[in-house]
N, C-alpha and C. Protein backbone atom coordinates (compact mmCIF):
# COMPACT_ATOMS: atom_id res chain seq x y z
N MET A 1 50.72 47.68 10.25
CA MET A 1 49.94 46.21 9.78
C MET A 1 50.21 45.40 11.09
N PRO A 2 49.35 44.58 11.43
CA PRO A 2 49.12 43.71 12.65
C PRO A 2 50.13 42.24 12.04
N SER A 3 50.90 41.86 13.00
CA SER A 3 51.62 40.80 12.75
C SER A 3 50.22 39.82 12.54
N ALA A 4 51.20 38.42 12.05
CA ALA A 4 50.25 37.25 11.72
C ALA A 4 49.66 36.72 13.47
N GLU A 5 50.71 36.78 14.24
CA GLU A 5 50.60 36.03 15.35
C GLU A 5 49.19 36.87 16.22
N SER A 6 49.20 38.35 15.95
CA SER A 6 48.37 38.99 16.66
C SER A 6 47.18 38.54 15.89
N ALA A 7 47.03 38.78 14.62
CA ALA A 7 45.83 38.80 13.82
C ALA A 7 44.93 37.25 14.19
N CYS A 8 46.22 36.36 14.18
CA CYS A 8 45.39 34.95 14.09
C CYS A 8 45.37 34.56 15.74
N PRO A 9 44.42 34.53 16.62
CA PRO A 9 44.57 34.32 18.08
C PRO A 9 44.05 32.67 17.99
N ILE A 10 43.58 32.47 16.62
CA ILE A 10 43.29 30.93 16.55
C ILE A 10 44.64 29.98 17.09
N SER A 11 45.69 30.54 16.34
CA SER A 11 46.99 29.64 16.68
C SER A 11 47.33 29.39 18.34
N LYS A 12 47.08 30.43 18.88
CA LYS A 12 47.17 30.40 20.38
C LYS A 12 46.45 29.40 21.08
N SER A 13 45.31 29.32 20.45
CA SER A 13 44.06 28.65 21.38
C SER A 13 44.43 26.94 21.12
N VAL A 14 45.36 26.76 20.09
CA VAL A 14 45.68 25.23 19.96
C VAL A 14 46.33 24.90 21.15
N VAL A 15 47.73 25.53 21.99
CA VAL A 15 47.99 25.22 22.81
C VAL A 15 47.24 24.95 24.53
N LEU A 16 45.79 25.11 24.29
CA LEU A 16 45.29 24.90 25.74
C LEU A 16 44.44 23.79 25.54
N VAL A 17 44.81 22.69 24.50
CA VAL A 17 44.08 21.42 24.58
C VAL A 17 45.06 20.54 25.43
N PRO A 18 46.56 20.60 25.10
CA PRO A 18 46.94 19.80 26.60
C PRO A 18 46.51 20.20 27.62
N CYS A 19 46.63 21.14 27.94
CA CYS A 19 46.24 21.75 29.41
C CYS A 19 45.24 21.29 29.87
N SER A 20 43.96 21.23 28.83
CA SER A 20 42.57 20.86 29.14
C SER A 20 42.82 19.53 29.71
N LYS A 21 43.48 18.93 28.91
CA LYS A 21 43.49 17.50 28.96
C LYS A 21 43.89 16.88 30.25
N ALA A 22 44.89 17.71 30.86
CA ALA A 22 45.53 17.32 31.96
C ALA A 22 44.70 17.50 33.11
N ASN A 23 44.04 18.72 33.11
CA ASN A 23 43.08 19.14 34.05
C ASN A 23 41.66 18.68 34.43
N LEU A 24 41.29 18.04 32.96
CA LEU A 24 39.70 17.57 33.41
C LEU A 24 40.10 15.94 33.78
N ARG A 25 39.52 15.79 34.97
CA ARG A 25 39.25 14.63 35.55
C ARG A 25 37.76 13.72 35.71
N SER A 26 37.17 14.41 36.01
CA SER A 26 35.74 13.56 36.44
C SER A 26 34.58 14.76 35.86
N PRO A 27 34.24 15.61 34.74
CA PRO A 27 33.46 16.24 34.92
C PRO A 27 31.87 15.95 34.85
N ALA A 28 31.05 16.60 35.17
CA ALA A 28 29.60 16.08 34.67
C ALA A 28 29.55 15.53 33.16
N ARG A 29 28.60 14.69 32.99
CA ARG A 29 28.40 13.82 31.75
C ARG A 29 27.96 15.13 30.79
N VAL A 30 27.10 16.07 31.42
CA VAL A 30 26.18 16.71 30.54
C VAL A 30 27.32 18.03 30.00
N TRP A 31 27.87 18.49 31.03
CA TRP A 31 29.02 19.11 30.70
C TRP A 31 29.60 18.65 29.31
N THR A 32 30.25 17.30 29.82
CA THR A 32 31.23 16.83 28.42
C THR A 32 30.29 16.73 27.12
N LYS A 33 29.01 16.37 27.14
CA LYS A 33 28.27 16.31 25.93
C LYS A 33 28.17 17.83 25.38
N ASN A 34 27.78 18.89 26.16
CA ASN A 34 28.02 20.23 25.72
C ASN A 34 29.40 20.30 25.13
N ALA A 35 30.26 19.93 25.47
CA ALA A 35 31.67 20.20 25.07
C ALA A 35 31.80 19.76 23.61
N LEU A 36 31.21 18.43 23.63
CA LEU A 36 31.17 17.56 22.24
C LEU A 36 30.70 18.13 21.06
N TYR A 37 29.46 19.25 21.39
CA TYR A 37 28.67 19.73 20.61
C TYR A 37 29.46 21.18 20.29
N GLN A 38 29.98 21.61 21.28
CA GLN A 38 30.87 23.06 20.75
C GLN A 38 31.78 22.58 19.95
N ALA A 39 32.57 21.42 20.23
CA ALA A 39 33.50 20.83 19.50
C ALA A 39 33.35 20.68 17.83
N CYS A 40 31.89 20.22 17.65
CA CYS A 40 31.43 20.05 16.41
C CYS A 40 31.24 21.47 15.94
N TYR A 41 30.55 22.53 16.48
CA TYR A 41 30.14 23.57 15.84
C TYR A 41 31.86 24.16 15.74
N ALA A 42 32.71 23.82 16.35
CA ALA A 42 34.24 24.75 16.10
C ALA A 42 34.37 24.37 15.14
N LYS A 43 34.55 22.98 14.45
CA LYS A 43 35.11 22.23 13.56
C LYS A 43 34.05 22.64 12.12
N LEU A 44 32.70 23.31 12.52
CA LEU A 44 31.92 23.73 11.30
C LEU A 44 32.54 24.99 10.89
N LEU A 45 32.77 25.91 11.77
CA LEU A 45 33.39 27.27 11.75
C LEU A 45 34.73 27.00 11.12
N LEU A 46 35.41 26.48 11.30
CA LEU A 46 36.85 26.31 10.78
C LEU A 46 37.06 25.79 9.26
N LYS A 47 36.05 24.85 9.19
CA LYS A 47 36.00 24.27 7.91
C LYS A 47 35.25 25.36 6.67
N ASP A 48 34.25 25.62 7.32
CA ASP A 48 33.16 26.44 6.47
C ASP A 48 33.47 27.81 6.51
N ASP A 49 33.24 28.43 7.63
CA ASP A 49 33.24 29.67 7.43
C ASP A 49 34.89 30.63 7.44
N VAL A 50 35.85 29.92 8.20
CA VAL A 50 36.55 30.66 8.21
C VAL A 50 37.56 30.90 6.67
N PRO A 51 37.38 29.48 5.67
CA PRO A 51 38.27 29.75 4.36
C PRO A 51 37.48 30.83 3.83
N GLN A 52 36.30 31.18 4.14
CA GLN A 52 35.73 32.49 3.29
C GLN A 52 35.71 33.63 3.93
N ALA A 53 36.25 33.66 4.92
CA ALA A 53 36.63 35.35 5.64
C ALA A 53 37.09 36.39 4.63
N SER A 54 36.74 37.03 4.49
CA SER A 54 37.14 38.18 3.68
C SER A 54 38.42 39.15 4.09
N VAL A 55 39.43 38.66 3.50
CA VAL A 55 40.71 39.22 4.29
C VAL A 55 41.17 39.73 2.97
N ASP A 56 41.87 41.11 2.87
CA ASP A 56 42.74 41.53 1.78
C ASP A 56 43.81 41.28 1.91
N ASP A 57 44.65 41.11 3.10
CA ASP A 57 46.20 41.05 2.81
C ASP A 57 46.31 39.44 2.67
N PRO A 58 46.85 39.44 1.52
CA PRO A 58 46.92 37.72 0.80
C PRO A 58 48.05 36.93 1.82
N GLY A 59 48.80 37.56 2.51
CA GLY A 59 49.78 36.93 3.40
C GLY A 59 49.30 36.77 4.64
N LEU A 60 48.27 37.78 5.12
CA LEU A 60 47.65 37.55 6.39
C LEU A 60 46.60 36.40 6.01
N ARG A 61 45.76 36.16 5.06
CA ARG A 61 45.02 35.46 4.58
C ARG A 61 45.65 33.99 4.44
N LYS A 62 46.66 33.92 4.38
CA LYS A 62 47.22 32.65 4.32
C LYS A 62 47.60 32.15 5.58
N ASP A 63 48.33 33.01 6.32
CA ASP A 63 48.65 32.56 7.90
C ASP A 63 47.29 32.26 8.73
N LEU A 64 46.16 32.97 8.32
CA LEU A 64 44.86 32.32 8.77
C LEU A 64 44.37 31.51 8.37
N LEU A 65 44.28 30.75 7.40
CA LEU A 65 43.97 29.57 6.86
C LEU A 65 44.87 28.32 7.34
N ALA A 66 46.18 28.65 7.65
CA ALA A 66 47.26 27.77 8.01
C ALA A 66 46.65 27.56 9.61
N ALA A 67 46.46 28.65 10.68
CA ALA A 67 46.14 28.44 11.90
C ALA A 67 45.05 27.89 12.27
N SER A 68 43.82 28.20 11.04
CA SER A 68 42.64 27.18 11.32
C SER A 68 42.86 25.95 10.90
N GLY A 69 43.68 25.77 10.00
CA GLY A 69 44.19 23.95 9.76
C GLY A 69 44.58 23.58 11.03
N GLN A 70 45.42 24.13 11.95
CA GLN A 70 46.08 23.57 13.17
C GLN A 70 44.78 23.34 13.97
N ALA A 71 44.16 24.64 14.34
CA ALA A 71 42.92 24.60 15.31
C ALA A 71 42.25 23.39 14.83
N LEU A 72 41.64 23.25 13.58
CA LEU A 72 41.12 22.39 13.11
C LEU A 72 41.26 20.66 13.66
N ALA A 73 42.70 20.87 13.46
CA ALA A 73 43.31 19.24 13.91
C ALA A 73 43.21 19.18 15.46
N ALA A 74 43.67 20.31 16.12
CA ALA A 74 43.82 20.12 17.69
C ALA A 74 42.07 19.81 17.91
N VAL A 75 40.71 20.55 17.33
CA VAL A 75 39.68 20.54 17.79
C VAL A 75 39.18 18.98 17.62
N SER A 76 39.70 18.42 16.16
CA SER A 76 39.34 16.87 16.21
C SER A 76 39.81 16.03 16.87
N ASP A 77 41.13 16.01 17.35
CA ASP A 77 41.92 15.46 18.32
C ASP A 77 41.24 15.38 19.92
N TYR A 78 40.99 16.81 20.22
CA TYR A 78 40.03 16.80 21.31
C TYR A 78 38.91 16.20 21.21
N GLU A 79 37.96 16.29 20.18
CA GLU A 79 36.73 15.90 20.12
C GLU A 79 36.84 14.23 20.53
N GLN A 80 38.15 13.54 19.77
CA GLN A 80 37.92 12.21 20.01
C GLN A 80 38.44 11.90 21.20
N TRP A 81 39.43 12.72 22.00
CA TRP A 81 39.94 12.42 23.25
C TRP A 81 38.40 12.44 24.27
N MET A 82 37.65 13.59 24.03
CA MET A 82 36.79 13.68 25.08
C MET A 82 35.67 12.39 24.80
N ARG A 83 35.31 11.97 23.45
CA ARG A 83 34.19 10.78 23.12
C ARG A 83 35.21 9.63 24.04
N ARG A 84 36.59 9.21 23.91
CA ARG A 84 37.16 8.11 24.01
C ARG A 84 37.46 8.03 25.41
N GLU A 85 37.81 9.08 25.99
CA GLU A 85 38.72 9.05 27.52
C GLU A 85 37.92 9.70 28.52
N LEU A 86 37.22 11.03 27.83
CA LEU A 86 37.02 11.86 29.02
C LEU A 86 35.13 11.29 29.76
N LEU A 87 34.21 11.13 28.42
CA LEU A 87 32.65 10.89 28.69
C LEU A 87 32.80 9.53 29.46
N PRO A 88 33.48 8.73 29.42
CA PRO A 88 33.33 7.37 30.16
C PRO A 88 33.49 7.74 31.63
N ARG A 89 34.15 8.70 31.84
CA ARG A 89 34.63 9.34 33.51
C ARG A 89 33.82 10.26 33.99
N SER A 90 32.88 11.01 32.65
CA SER A 90 32.18 12.37 33.47
C SER A 90 31.20 11.97 34.03
N THR A 91 31.38 11.54 35.63
CA THR A 91 30.38 11.33 36.38
C THR A 91 29.80 12.00 37.53
N ARG A 92 30.70 13.14 37.37
CA ARG A 92 30.25 14.23 38.90
C ARG A 92 28.88 14.65 38.58
N SER A 93 28.23 14.93 39.56
CA SER A 93 26.69 15.46 39.42
C SER A 93 26.89 17.15 39.04
N PRO A 94 26.07 17.28 38.09
CA PRO A 94 26.21 18.72 37.47
C PRO A 94 25.75 19.99 38.46
N ALA A 95 25.14 19.32 39.44
CA ALA A 95 24.45 20.05 40.55
C ALA A 95 25.41 21.08 41.24
N TRP A 96 25.52 22.28 41.58
CA TRP A 96 26.05 23.08 42.10
C TRP A 96 25.39 23.56 43.91
N THR A 97 26.07 23.59 44.70
CA THR A 97 25.75 23.68 45.85
C THR A 97 25.58 25.72 45.79
N PRO A 98 24.50 26.04 46.78
CA PRO A 98 24.60 27.56 46.61
C PRO A 98 25.98 28.44 47.27
N GLN A 99 26.87 27.51 48.07
CA GLN A 99 27.93 28.22 47.97
C GLN A 99 29.01 28.31 46.63
N GLN A 100 29.07 27.31 46.05
CA GLN A 100 29.99 27.00 44.86
C GLN A 100 29.38 28.33 43.70
N ILE A 101 27.94 28.24 43.99
CA ILE A 101 27.55 29.19 42.80
C ILE A 101 27.85 30.62 43.29
N ASP A 102 27.68 31.17 44.59
CA ASP A 102 28.33 32.44 45.20
C ASP A 102 29.79 32.64 44.88
N PHE A 103 30.60 31.64 45.18
CA PHE A 103 31.72 31.57 44.83
C PHE A 103 32.26 32.08 43.38
N TYR A 104 31.55 31.11 42.41
CA TYR A 104 32.06 31.13 41.19
C TYR A 104 31.27 32.86 40.81
N GLN A 105 30.15 33.17 41.09
CA GLN A 105 29.63 34.33 40.82
C GLN A 105 30.54 35.65 41.19
N SER A 106 30.93 35.53 42.34
CA SER A 106 31.64 36.24 43.07
C SER A 106 33.15 36.73 42.50
N VAL A 107 33.78 35.52 42.20
CA VAL A 107 35.32 35.43 41.89
C VAL A 107 35.37 35.80 40.36
N HIS A 108 34.47 34.41 39.95
CA HIS A 108 34.75 34.30 38.36
C HIS A 108 33.90 35.46 37.47
N GLU A 109 32.60 35.78 37.85
CA GLU A 109 31.62 36.62 37.09
C GLU A 109 31.81 38.05 37.59
N GLN A 110 32.31 38.41 38.72
CA GLN A 110 32.56 39.45 39.54
C GLN A 110 31.37 39.97 39.77
N LEU A 111 30.22 39.13 40.02
CA LEU A 111 28.89 39.72 40.13
C LEU A 111 28.37 39.41 42.14
N PRO A 112 29.15 39.89 42.79
CA PRO A 112 29.18 39.18 44.35
C PRO A 112 27.62 40.13 44.77
N GLU A 113 27.11 41.48 44.13
CA GLU A 113 25.89 41.49 44.62
C GLU A 113 24.48 40.70 44.65
N TYR A 114 24.95 39.35 43.43
CA TYR A 114 23.87 38.61 42.91
C TYR A 114 24.01 37.33 43.87
N THR A 115 23.10 37.14 44.73
CA THR A 115 23.29 35.73 45.47
C THR A 115 22.41 34.73 44.80
N VAL A 116 22.40 33.60 45.01
CA VAL A 116 21.58 32.57 44.35
C VAL A 116 20.28 33.23 44.47
N ASP A 117 19.50 33.48 45.74
CA ASP A 117 18.29 33.92 45.69
C ASP A 117 17.90 35.21 44.72
N GLU A 118 19.01 35.99 44.48
CA GLU A 118 18.55 37.04 43.64
C GLU A 118 18.35 36.63 42.03
N MET A 119 19.08 35.67 41.65
CA MET A 119 19.60 35.04 40.32
C MET A 119 18.48 34.27 40.42
N LEU A 120 17.96 33.32 41.13
CA LEU A 120 16.34 32.82 41.08
C LEU A 120 15.13 33.73 40.52
N ARG A 121 15.25 34.90 41.70
CA ARG A 121 14.24 35.78 41.42
C ARG A 121 14.23 36.06 40.11
N ILE A 122 15.29 36.64 39.53
CA ILE A 122 15.49 37.61 38.10
C ILE A 122 15.19 36.32 37.08
N ALA A 123 15.59 35.05 37.25
CA ALA A 123 15.33 33.88 36.55
C ALA A 123 13.62 33.74 36.49
N ARG A 124 13.15 33.82 37.38
CA ARG A 124 11.52 33.69 37.40
C ARG A 124 10.84 34.62 36.75
N LYS A 125 11.22 36.08 37.17
CA LYS A 125 10.80 36.89 36.69
C LYS A 125 10.64 37.30 35.17
N SER A 126 12.14 36.86 34.57
CA SER A 126 12.27 37.01 33.12
C SER A 126 11.61 35.67 32.10
N ALA A 127 11.49 34.24 33.00
CA ALA A 127 11.08 33.41 32.19
C ALA A 127 10.02 33.60 31.11
N PRO A 128 8.75 34.37 31.49
CA PRO A 128 7.68 34.31 30.10
C PRO A 128 8.59 34.90 29.02
N SER A 129 9.51 35.70 29.21
CA SER A 129 10.00 37.14 28.04
C SER A 129 10.88 35.81 27.34
N TRP A 130 11.64 34.98 27.75
CA TRP A 130 12.42 33.98 27.28
C TRP A 130 11.63 33.14 26.57
N ARG A 131 10.57 32.59 27.19
CA ARG A 131 9.83 31.83 26.00
C ARG A 131 9.54 32.30 24.89
N ARG A 132 8.92 33.72 24.70
CA ARG A 132 8.51 34.34 23.65
C ARG A 132 9.75 34.71 22.76
N CYS A 133 10.96 34.34 22.98
CA CYS A 133 11.92 34.41 21.78
C CYS A 133 12.29 33.07 21.04
N ARG A 134 11.65 32.00 21.38
CA ARG A 134 12.00 30.85 20.86
C ARG A 134 11.93 30.97 19.55
N ARG A 135 12.66 30.45 18.42
CA ARG A 135 12.49 30.54 16.96
C ARG A 135 12.43 29.21 16.45
N SER A 136 12.00 28.99 15.10
CA SER A 136 12.81 27.71 14.30
C SER A 136 13.68 27.75 14.19
N PRO A 137 14.30 26.57 14.01
CA PRO A 137 15.97 26.20 13.91
C PRO A 137 16.19 26.84 12.13
N GLY A 138 16.89 27.55 11.90
CA GLY A 138 17.42 28.48 10.66
C GLY A 138 18.28 27.38 9.90
N ARG A 139 18.66 27.91 8.79
CA ARG A 139 19.52 26.86 7.76
C ARG A 139 21.02 26.27 8.47
N SER A 140 21.77 26.99 9.50
CA SER A 140 22.97 26.95 9.95
C SER A 140 22.53 25.46 10.54
N THR A 141 21.14 25.69 11.69
CA THR A 141 21.01 24.88 12.68
C THR A 141 20.95 23.47 11.91
N ARG A 142 19.78 23.37 11.14
CA ARG A 142 19.29 22.51 10.06
C ARG A 142 20.97 21.44 9.43
N ARG A 143 21.82 22.59 9.04
CA ARG A 143 23.04 21.88 8.39
C ARG A 143 23.81 21.36 9.38
N VAL A 144 23.95 21.79 10.87
CA VAL A 144 24.60 21.10 12.11
C VAL A 144 24.06 19.85 12.37
N ILE A 145 22.79 19.82 12.09
CA ILE A 145 21.70 18.67 12.75
C ILE A 145 22.25 17.46 11.25
N SER A 146 22.24 17.97 10.38
CA SER A 146 22.60 16.82 9.19
C SER A 146 24.01 16.48 9.20
N ALA A 147 24.59 17.32 9.65
CA ALA A 147 26.37 17.02 9.99
C ALA A 147 26.40 15.90 10.80
N GLY A 148 25.61 15.73 11.72
CA GLY A 148 25.79 14.86 12.84
C GLY A 148 26.18 15.17 13.95
N CYS A 149 25.94 16.35 14.34
CA CYS A 149 26.58 17.12 15.46
C CYS A 149 25.97 16.70 16.67
N GLY A 150 24.41 16.06 16.29
CA GLY A 150 23.55 15.88 17.58
C GLY A 150 23.95 14.28 18.17
N SER A 151 24.80 13.70 17.01
CA SER A 151 24.72 12.42 17.88
C SER A 151 26.20 11.89 18.81
N SER A 152 25.64 11.35 19.64
CA SER A 152 26.96 11.33 20.73
C SER A 152 26.74 9.54 21.36
């Protein structure tokens, strides 16, 4: 039987919040706004979906709910910090140089065979199929919009 710690990686993620506060200096405004949206979705997940998770072991369920409560508090605190402190200093340009993109793809994504030009060629080729994939907002999207996640 897995331990509560190994079964609840949520509790480990709470440690990342102070690290990210210390490391984020002046990101692009659009990136910070995206992070605010993600925080809103994370809070919805932790409040609405995690408590409804099907967990057969009562002890494990208790640990999961406790960890999600800690994570919810951490996400809420982080969201407020981003609004109050990070968003005002989010002044960097969101544009990346081709050299930054090549480095990121090679080192972080481990895709050294894809240059900027190759990625643009693939994007242009696949753009028509992506446009066909659009769909109308579903129930969860409407719930998020009505919950105020779209406001900043």
